[in-house]
Amino acid sequence: MEGVHWAILVHISSDYRPPDWGPLQRALSSEFGDDGMHAAAAFWFIGFIAGPADVGELRLYEHSVTRRRLVLDREGGAFRWFAAFEGYSRITMDEALIDALA
């Protein structure tokens, strides 16, 4: 195609932060022991989101097979979005894993 110029636009964000795998590894290790580190390999890091005011930032991980998310705080505590009050609230790790793996 003569006369056509293609341009590739690249947006580099100055607010990039590396993935935070610590909460996922801690949470899965506490549930599965040594196998927790292997289980963490089945998740992708999605990003950071605002959590409840008393908790702060949450981390989102997505399971590579189910494509369902696991939402954790900095310490590895689990959370779920509740549409009724448009916010995240703490749940048990068992509930979070059922949500992510079912």
Protein backbone atom coordinates (compact mmCIF):
# COMPACT_ATOMS: atom_id res chain seq x y z
CA MET A 1 0.00 0.00 0.00
CA GLU A 2 2.01 2.85 -1.31
CA GLY A 3 1.80 6.13 0.50
CA VAL A 4 0.36 4.59 3.67
CA HIS A 5 2.39 5.12 6.82
CA TRP A 6 1.79 2.98 9.85
CA ALA A 7 2.47 4.30 13.28
CA ILE A 8 2.73 2.32 16.44
CA LEU A 9 1.74 4.26 19.51
CA VAL A 10 3.27 3.23 22.77
CA HIS A 11 2.08 4.70 26.03
CA ILE A 12 4.53 4.34 28.86
CA SER A 13 2.97 5.13 32.17
CA SER A 14 5.15 6.73 34.81
CA ASP A 15 3.01 5.13 37.51
CA TYR A 16 3.94 1.54 36.63
CA ARG A 17 4.46 -0.68 39.65
CA PRO A 18 5.80 -4.19 39.58
CA PRO A 19 3.46 -7.04 40.51
CA ASP A 20 3.11 -7.78 44.21
CA TRP A 21 3.23 -11.57 44.55
CA GLY A 22 3.84 -11.59 48.32
CA PRO A 23 0.19 -11.55 49.46
CA LEU A 24 -0.75 -14.38 47.09
CA GLN A 25 2.23 -16.50 48.09
CA ARG A 26 1.56 -15.95 51.81
CA ALA A 27 -2.15 -16.71 51.49
CA LEU A 28 -1.68 -19.88 49.45
CA SER A 29 1.20 -21.10 51.60
CA SER A 30 -0.92 -20.72 54.73
CA GLU A 31 -3.67 -22.79 53.04
CA PHE A 32 -1.57 -25.41 51.23
CA GLY A 33 1.83 -25.38 52.94
CA ASP A 34 4.77 -25.90 50.59
CA ASP A 35 2.42 -26.55 47.67
CA GLY A 36 1.16 -22.96 47.99
CA MET A 37 4.15 -21.60 46.11
CA HIS A 38 3.37 -23.95 43.20
CA ALA A 39 -0.32 -23.02 43.33
CA ALA A 40 0.60 -19.33 43.02
CA ALA A 41 2.07 -20.04 39.58
CA ALA A 42 -1.49 -20.62 38.30
CA PHE A 43 -2.39 -16.93 38.85
CA TRP A 44 -1.68 -13.74 36.93
CA PHE A 45 -1.21 -10.43 38.67
CA ILE A 46 -3.88 -8.01 37.41
CA GLY A 47 -3.18 -4.87 39.41
CA PHE A 48 -3.92 -2.70 42.41
CA ILE A 49 -7.33 -1.28 43.35
CA ALA A 50 -8.67 0.83 46.18
CA GLY A 51 -10.03 -1.21 49.04
CA PRO A 52 -11.96 -0.29 52.18
CA ALA A 53 -10.67 2.86 53.91
CA ASP A 54 -9.44 0.91 56.93
CA VAL A 55 -7.55 -1.58 54.72
CA GLY A 56 -6.18 0.44 51.84
CA GLU A 57 -5.01 -0.92 48.55
CA LEU A 58 -6.01 -4.39 47.37
CA ARG A 59 -4.26 -6.67 44.89
CA LEU A 60 -6.11 -8.52 42.12
CA TYR A 61 -4.95 -11.91 40.87
CA GLU A 62 -6.66 -13.92 38.13
CA HIS A 63 -6.55 -17.71 37.87
CA SER A 64 -5.15 -18.76 34.50
CA VAL A 65 -7.73 -21.51 33.91
CA THR A 66 -10.97 -20.28 35.51
CA ARG A 67 -10.32 -16.60 34.71
CA ARG A 68 -11.87 -15.77 38.07
CA ARG A 69 -10.26 -13.32 40.45
CA LEU A 70 -8.78 -13.52 43.90
CA VAL A 71 -8.65 -10.19 45.75
CA LEU A 72 -6.19 -9.83 48.63
CA ASP A 73 -4.92 -7.11 50.92
CA ARG A 74 -1.24 -6.51 51.66
CA GLU A 75 -1.21 -9.22 54.35
CA GLY A 76 -3.00 -11.85 52.26
CA GLY A 77 -6.51 -11.33 53.67
CA ALA A 78 -9.27 -12.11 51.17
CA PHE A 79 -11.98 -9.74 49.91
CA ARG A 80 -15.05 -9.88 47.68
CA TRP A 81 -16.94 -7.15 45.84
CA PHE A 82 -20.49 -6.67 47.15
CA ALA A 83 -22.69 -4.76 44.74
CA ALA A 84 -25.30 -4.06 47.42
CA PHE A 85 -23.02 -1.54 49.10
CA GLU A 86 -20.66 -0.99 46.14
CA GLY A 87 -17.52 -2.01 47.94
CA TYR A 88 -15.16 -4.74 49.00
CA SER A 89 -15.60 -6.60 52.26
CA ARG A 90 -13.48 -9.21 54.00
CA ILE A 91 -14.29 -12.90 53.44
CA THR A 92 -12.61 -16.13 54.49
CA MET A 93 -9.82 -17.56 52.36
CA ASP A 94 -11.95 -20.66 51.78
CA GLU A 95 -14.72 -18.49 50.27
CA ALA A 96 -12.21 -16.58 48.16
CA LEU A 97 -10.62 -19.77 46.80
CA ILE A 98 -14.04 -21.23 45.98
CA ASP A 99 -14.86 -18.00 44.09
CA ALA A 100 -11.56 -18.08 42.21
CA LEU A 101 -11.38 -21.77 41.43
CA ALA A 102 -15.03 -22.75 40.85
